[in-house]
Amino acid sequence: MTHLLYLLFFSFLMSVVFAVFFDGDARERLIYGVKVFLKFVFVSIFIGWVFYFLF
């Protein structure tokens, strides 16, 4: 369970950093940050499942 919490924490921090440096108004930055967060989480979980079945 701690790996998932680390993943969520890292994804949150990276999405905040990417959203801060994204060009646009506050609403566009918020939407971009949420998209980046969700992509980090879903892609990481997907890769984890792929590795689980491969190894």
PDB file of N, CA and C in Angstrom:
ATOM      1  N   MET A   1       0.819  -1.195   0.000  1.00  0.00           N
ATOM      2  CA  MET A   1       0.000   0.000   0.000  1.00  0.00           C
ATOM      3  C   MET A   1       0.862   1.257   0.000  1.00  0.00           C
ATOM      4  N   THR A   2       2.038   1.174   0.582  1.00  0.00           N
ATOM      5  CA  THR A   2       2.881   2.367   0.629  1.00  0.00           C
ATOM      6  C   THR A   2       3.381   2.753  -0.762  1.00  0.00           C
ATOM      7  N   HIS A   3       3.569   1.763  -1.651  1.00  0.00           N
ATOM      8  CA  HIS A   3       4.009   2.098  -2.998  1.00  0.00           C
ATOM      9  C   HIS A   3       2.950   2.926  -3.722  1.00  0.00           C
ATOM     10  N   LEU A   4       1.705   2.588  -3.515  1.00  0.00           N
ATOM     11  CA  LEU A   4       0.629   3.353  -4.131  1.00  0.00           C
ATOM     12  C   LEU A   4       0.588   4.781  -3.586  1.00  0.00           C
ATOM     13  N   LEU A   5       0.799   4.934  -2.293  1.00  0.00           N
ATOM     14  CA  LEU A   5       0.819   6.277  -1.706  1.00  0.00           C
ATOM     15  C   LEU A   5       1.996   7.091  -2.233  1.00  0.00           C
ATOM     16  N   TYR A   6       3.159   6.449  -2.381  1.00  0.00           N
ATOM     17  CA  TYR A   6       4.310   7.134  -2.965  1.00  0.00           C
ATOM     18  C   TYR A   6       4.030   7.541  -4.407  1.00  0.00           C
ATOM     19  N   LEU A   7       3.364   6.659  -5.150  1.00  0.00           N
ATOM     20  CA  LEU A   7       3.002   6.964  -6.527  1.00  0.00           C
ATOM     21  C   LEU A   7       2.064   8.159  -6.586  1.00  0.00           C
ATOM     22  N   LEU A   8       1.048   8.167  -5.737  1.00  0.00           N
ATOM     23  CA  LEU A   8       0.103   9.284  -5.720  1.00  0.00           C
ATOM     24  C   LEU A   8       0.773  10.587  -5.307  1.00  0.00           C
ATOM     25  N   PHE A   9       1.654  10.515  -4.315  1.00  0.00           N
ATOM     26  CA  PHE A   9       2.362  11.715  -3.853  1.00  0.00           C
ATOM     27  C   PHE A   9       3.279  12.256  -4.942  1.00  0.00           C
ATOM     28  N   PHE A  10       4.055  11.367  -5.579  1.00  0.00           N
ATOM     29  CA  PHE A  10       4.955  11.790  -6.648  1.00  0.00           C
ATOM     30  C   PHE A  10       4.166  12.357  -7.825  1.00  0.00           C
ATOM     31  N   SER A  11       3.083  11.694  -8.198  1.00  0.00           N
ATOM     32  CA  SER A  11       2.255  12.164  -9.308  1.00  0.00           C
ATOM     33  C   SER A  11       1.669  13.534  -9.010  1.00  0.00           C
ATOM     34  N   PHE A  12       1.228  13.722  -7.773  1.00  0.00           N
ATOM     35  CA  PHE A  12       0.679  15.023  -7.389  1.00  0.00           C
ATOM     36  C   PHE A  12       1.737  16.116  -7.484  1.00  0.00           C
ATOM     37  N   LEU A  13       2.914  15.854  -6.943  1.00  0.00           N
ATOM     38  CA  LEU A  13       3.975  16.869  -6.984  1.00  0.00           C
ATOM     39  C   LEU A  13       4.384  17.200  -8.415  1.00  0.00           C
ATOM     40  N   MET A  14       4.552  16.186  -9.243  1.00  0.00           N
ATOM     41  CA  MET A  14       4.963  16.429 -10.626  1.00  0.00           C
ATOM     42  C   MET A  14       3.868  17.152 -11.412  1.00  0.00           C
ATOM     43  N   SER A  15       2.614  16.823 -11.159  1.00  0.00           N
ATOM     44  CA  SER A  15       1.543  17.507 -11.877  1.00  0.00           C
ATOM     45  C   SER A  15       1.444  18.967 -11.456  1.00  0.00           C
ATOM     46  N   VAL A  16       1.708  19.257 -10.196  1.00  0.00           N
ATOM     47  CA  VAL A  16       1.719  20.655  -9.741  1.00  0.00           C
ATOM     48  C   VAL A  16       2.852  21.420 -10.414  1.00  0.00           C
ATOM     49  N   VAL A  17       4.030  20.809 -10.477  1.00  0.00           N
ATOM     50  CA  VAL A  17       5.173  21.479 -11.113  1.00  0.00           C
ATOM     51  C   VAL A  17       4.901  21.700 -12.593  1.00  0.00           C
ATOM     52  N   PHE A  18       4.399  20.682 -13.292  1.00  0.00           N
ATOM     53  CA  PHE A  18       4.113  20.841 -14.714  1.00  0.00           C
ATOM     54  C   PHE A  18       3.014  21.879 -14.942  1.00  0.00           C
ATOM     55  N   ALA A  19       2.020  21.911 -14.086  1.00  0.00           N
ATOM     56  CA  ALA A  19       0.933  22.879 -14.248  1.00  0.00           C
ATOM     57  C   ALA A  19       1.419  24.305 -14.010  1.00  0.00           C
ATOM     58  N   VAL A  20       2.350  24.491 -13.095  1.00  0.00           N
ATOM     59  CA  VAL A  20       2.882  25.829 -12.823  1.00  0.00           C
ATOM     60  C   VAL A  20       3.617  26.371 -14.042  1.00  0.00           C
ATOM     61  N   PHE A  21       4.354  25.512 -14.734  1.00  0.00           N
ATOM     62  CA  PHE A  21       5.130  25.961 -15.883  1.00  0.00           C
ATOM     63  C   PHE A  21       4.357  25.912 -17.196  1.00  0.00           C
ATOM     64  N   PHE A  22       3.100  25.491 -17.151  1.00  0.00           N
ATOM     65  CA  PHE A  22       2.259  25.435 -18.346  1.00  0.00           C
ATOM     66  C   PHE A  22       1.734  26.826 -18.665  1.00  0.00           C
ATOM     67  N   ASP A  23       1.736  27.172 -19.962  1.00  0.00           N
ATOM     68  CA  ASP A  23       1.208  28.476 -20.378  1.00  0.00           C
ATOM     69  C   ASP A  23      -0.310  28.429 -20.413  1.00  0.00           C
ATOM     70  N   GLY A  24      -0.926  29.471 -19.946  1.00  0.00           N
ATOM     71  CA  GLY A  24      -2.378  29.559 -19.971  1.00  0.00           C
ATOM     72  C   GLY A  24      -2.892  30.203 -18.700  1.00  0.00           C
ATOM     73  N   ASP A  25      -4.206  30.335 -18.647  1.00  0.00           N
ATOM     74  CA  ASP A  25      -4.799  30.938 -17.452  1.00  0.00           C
ATOM     75  C   ASP A  25      -4.950  29.877 -16.359  1.00  0.00           C
ATOM     76  N   ALA A  26      -5.509  30.283 -15.236  1.00  0.00           N
ATOM     77  CA  ALA A  26      -5.589  29.392 -14.067  1.00  0.00           C
ATOM     78  C   ALA A  26      -6.449  28.162 -14.349  1.00  0.00           C
ATOM     79  N   ARG A  27      -7.534  28.341 -15.076  1.00  0.00           N
ATOM     80  CA  ARG A  27      -8.419  27.198 -15.368  1.00  0.00           C
ATOM     81  C   ARG A  27      -7.710  26.178 -16.252  1.00  0.00           C
ATOM     82  N   GLU A  28      -6.989  26.631 -17.275  1.00  0.00           N
ATOM     83  CA  GLU A  28      -6.262  25.724 -18.154  1.00  0.00           C
ATOM     84  C   GLU A  28      -5.150  24.991 -17.395  1.00  0.00           C
ATOM     85  N   ARG A  29      -4.493  25.696 -16.487  1.00  0.00           N
ATOM     86  CA  ARG A  29      -3.448  25.061 -15.685  1.00  0.00           C
ATOM     87  C   ARG A  29      -4.026  23.984 -14.772  1.00  0.00           C
ATOM     88  N   LEU A  30      -5.177  24.254 -14.192  1.00  0.00           N
ATOM     89  CA  LEU A  30      -5.822  23.268 -13.329  1.00  0.00           C
ATOM     90  C   LEU A  30      -6.206  22.023 -14.121  1.00  0.00           C
ATOM     91  N   ILE A  31      -6.813  22.222 -15.273  1.00  0.00           N
ATOM     92  CA  ILE A  31      -7.206  21.087 -16.114  1.00  0.00           C
ATOM     93  C   ILE A  31      -5.971  20.298 -16.548  1.00  0.00           C
ATOM     94  N   TYR A  32      -4.925  20.999 -16.940  1.00  0.00           N
ATOM     95  CA  TYR A  32      -3.689  20.335 -17.359  1.00  0.00           C
ATOM     96  C   TYR A  32      -3.082  19.552 -16.196  1.00  0.00           C
ATOM     97  N   GLY A  33      -3.064  20.131 -15.011  1.00  0.00           N
ATOM     98  CA  GLY A  33      -2.515  19.440 -13.847  1.00  0.00           C
ATOM     99  C   GLY A  33      -3.283  18.176 -13.509  1.00  0.00           C
ATOM    100  N   VAL A  34      -4.605  18.227 -13.598  1.00  0.00           N
ATOM    101  CA  VAL A  34      -5.423  17.032 -13.324  1.00  0.00           C
ATOM    102  C   VAL A  34      -5.165  15.966 -14.381  1.00  0.00           C
ATOM    103  N   LYS A  35      -5.068  16.367 -15.642  1.00  0.00           N
ATOM    104  CA  LYS A  35      -4.791  15.405 -16.705  1.00  0.00           C
ATOM    105  C   LYS A  35      -3.435  14.735 -16.504  1.00  0.00           C
ATOM    106  N   VAL A  36      -2.425  15.515 -16.176  1.00  0.00           N
ATOM    107  CA  VAL A  36      -1.094  14.958 -15.965  1.00  0.00           C
ATOM    108  C   VAL A  36      -1.100  14.000 -14.776  1.00  0.00           C
ATOM    109  N   PHE A  37      -1.788  14.373 -13.704  1.00  0.00           N
ATOM    110  CA  PHE A  37      -1.880  13.506 -12.530  1.00  0.00           C
ATOM    111  C   PHE A  37      -2.515  12.169 -12.889  1.00  0.00           C
ATOM    112  N   LEU A  38      -3.641  12.216 -13.578  1.00  0.00           N
ATOM    113  CA  LEU A  38      -4.331  10.982 -13.946  1.00  0.00           C
ATOM    114  C   LEU A  38      -3.503  10.133 -14.904  1.00  0.00           C
ATOM    115  N   LYS A  39      -2.817  10.775 -15.831  1.00  0.00           N
ATOM    116  CA  LYS A  39      -1.963  10.020 -16.758  1.00  0.00           C
ATOM    117  C   LYS A  39      -0.809   9.350 -16.020  1.00  0.00           C
ATOM    118  N   PHE A  40      -0.167  10.054 -15.100  1.00  0.00           N
ATOM    119  CA  PHE A  40       0.897   9.456 -14.297  1.00  0.00           C
ATOM    120  C   PHE A  40       0.388   8.209 -13.575  1.00  0.00           C
ATOM    121  N   VAL A  41      -0.756   8.331 -12.922  1.00  0.00           N
ATOM    122  CA  VAL A  41      -1.279   7.229 -12.110  1.00  0.00           C
ATOM    123  C   VAL A  41      -1.682   6.055 -12.994  1.00  0.00           C
ATOM    124  N   PHE A  42      -2.473   6.302 -14.025  1.00  0.00           N
ATOM    125  CA  PHE A  42      -2.971   5.197 -14.848  1.00  0.00           C
ATOM    126  C   PHE A  42      -1.858   4.509 -15.633  1.00  0.00           C
ATOM    127  N   VAL A  43      -0.936   5.268 -16.178  1.00  0.00           N
ATOM    128  CA  VAL A  43       0.170   4.652 -16.922  1.00  0.00           C
ATOM    129  C   VAL A  43       1.058   3.851 -15.978  1.00  0.00           C
ATOM    130  N   SER A  44       1.314   4.351 -14.793  1.00  0.00           N
ATOM    131  CA  SER A  44       2.143   3.608 -13.834  1.00  0.00           C
ATOM    132  C   SER A  44       1.477   2.309 -13.406  1.00  0.00           C
ATOM    133  N   ILE A  45       0.179   2.348 -13.139  1.00  0.00           N
ATOM    134  CA  ILE A  45      -0.530   1.128 -12.758  1.00  0.00           C
ATOM    135  C   ILE A  45      -0.565   0.150 -13.926  1.00  0.00           C
ATOM    136  N   PHE A  46      -0.772   0.641 -15.140  1.00  0.00           N
ATOM    137  CA  PHE A  46      -0.773  -0.227 -16.311  1.00  0.00           C
ATOM    138  C   PHE A  46       0.585  -0.905 -16.508  1.00  0.00           C
ATOM    139  N   ILE A  47       1.662  -0.134 -16.399  1.00  0.00           N
ATOM    140  CA  ILE A  47       2.996  -0.712 -16.552  1.00  0.00           C
ATOM    141  C   ILE A  47       3.265  -1.727 -15.446  1.00  0.00           C
ATOM    142  N   GLY A  48       2.789  -1.445 -14.244  1.00  0.00           N
ATOM    143  CA  GLY A  48       2.938  -2.395 -13.146  1.00  0.00           C
ATOM    144  C   GLY A  48       2.237  -3.713 -13.430  1.00  0.00           C
ATOM    145  N   TRP A  49       1.041  -3.654 -13.989  1.00  0.00           N
ATOM    146  CA  TRP A  49       0.323  -4.877 -14.330  1.00  0.00           C
ATOM    147  C   TRP A  49       1.014  -5.625 -15.457  1.00  0.00           C
ATOM    148  N   VAL A  50       1.543  -4.916 -16.424  1.00  0.00           N
ATOM    149  CA  VAL A  50       2.273  -5.575 -17.519  1.00  0.00           C
ATOM    150  C   VAL A  50       3.492  -6.300 -16.960  1.00  0.00           C
ATOM    151  N   PHE A  51       4.246  -5.648 -16.101  1.00  0.00           N
ATOM    152  CA  PHE A  51       5.415  -6.294 -15.505  1.00  0.00           C
ATOM    153  C   PHE A  51       5.011  -7.470 -14.624  1.00  0.00           C
ATOM    154  N   TYR A  52       3.868  -7.358 -13.958  1.00  0.00           N
ATOM    155  CA  TYR A  52       3.396  -8.453 -13.118  1.00  0.00           C
ATOM    156  C   TYR A  52       3.169  -9.718 -13.944  1.00  0.00           C
ATOM    157  N   PHE A  53       2.567  -9.556 -15.117  1.00  0.00           N
ATOM    158  CA  PHE A  53       2.295 -10.723 -15.943  1.00  0.00           C
ATOM    159  C   PHE A  53       3.509 -11.193 -16.730  1.00  0.00           C
ATOM    160  N   LEU A  54       4.452 -10.313 -17.006  1.00  0.00           N
ATOM    161  CA  LEU A  54       5.664 -10.716 -17.730  1.00  0.00           C
ATOM    162  C   LEU A  54       6.671 -11.421 -16.826  1.00  0.00           C
ATOM    163  N   PHE A  55       6.787 -10.957 -15.613  1.00  0.00           N
ATOM    164  CA  PHE A  55       7.806 -11.517 -14.718  1.00  0.00           C
ATOM    165  C   PHE A  55       7.118 -12.201 -13.593  1.00  0.00           C
TER     166      PHE A  55
END
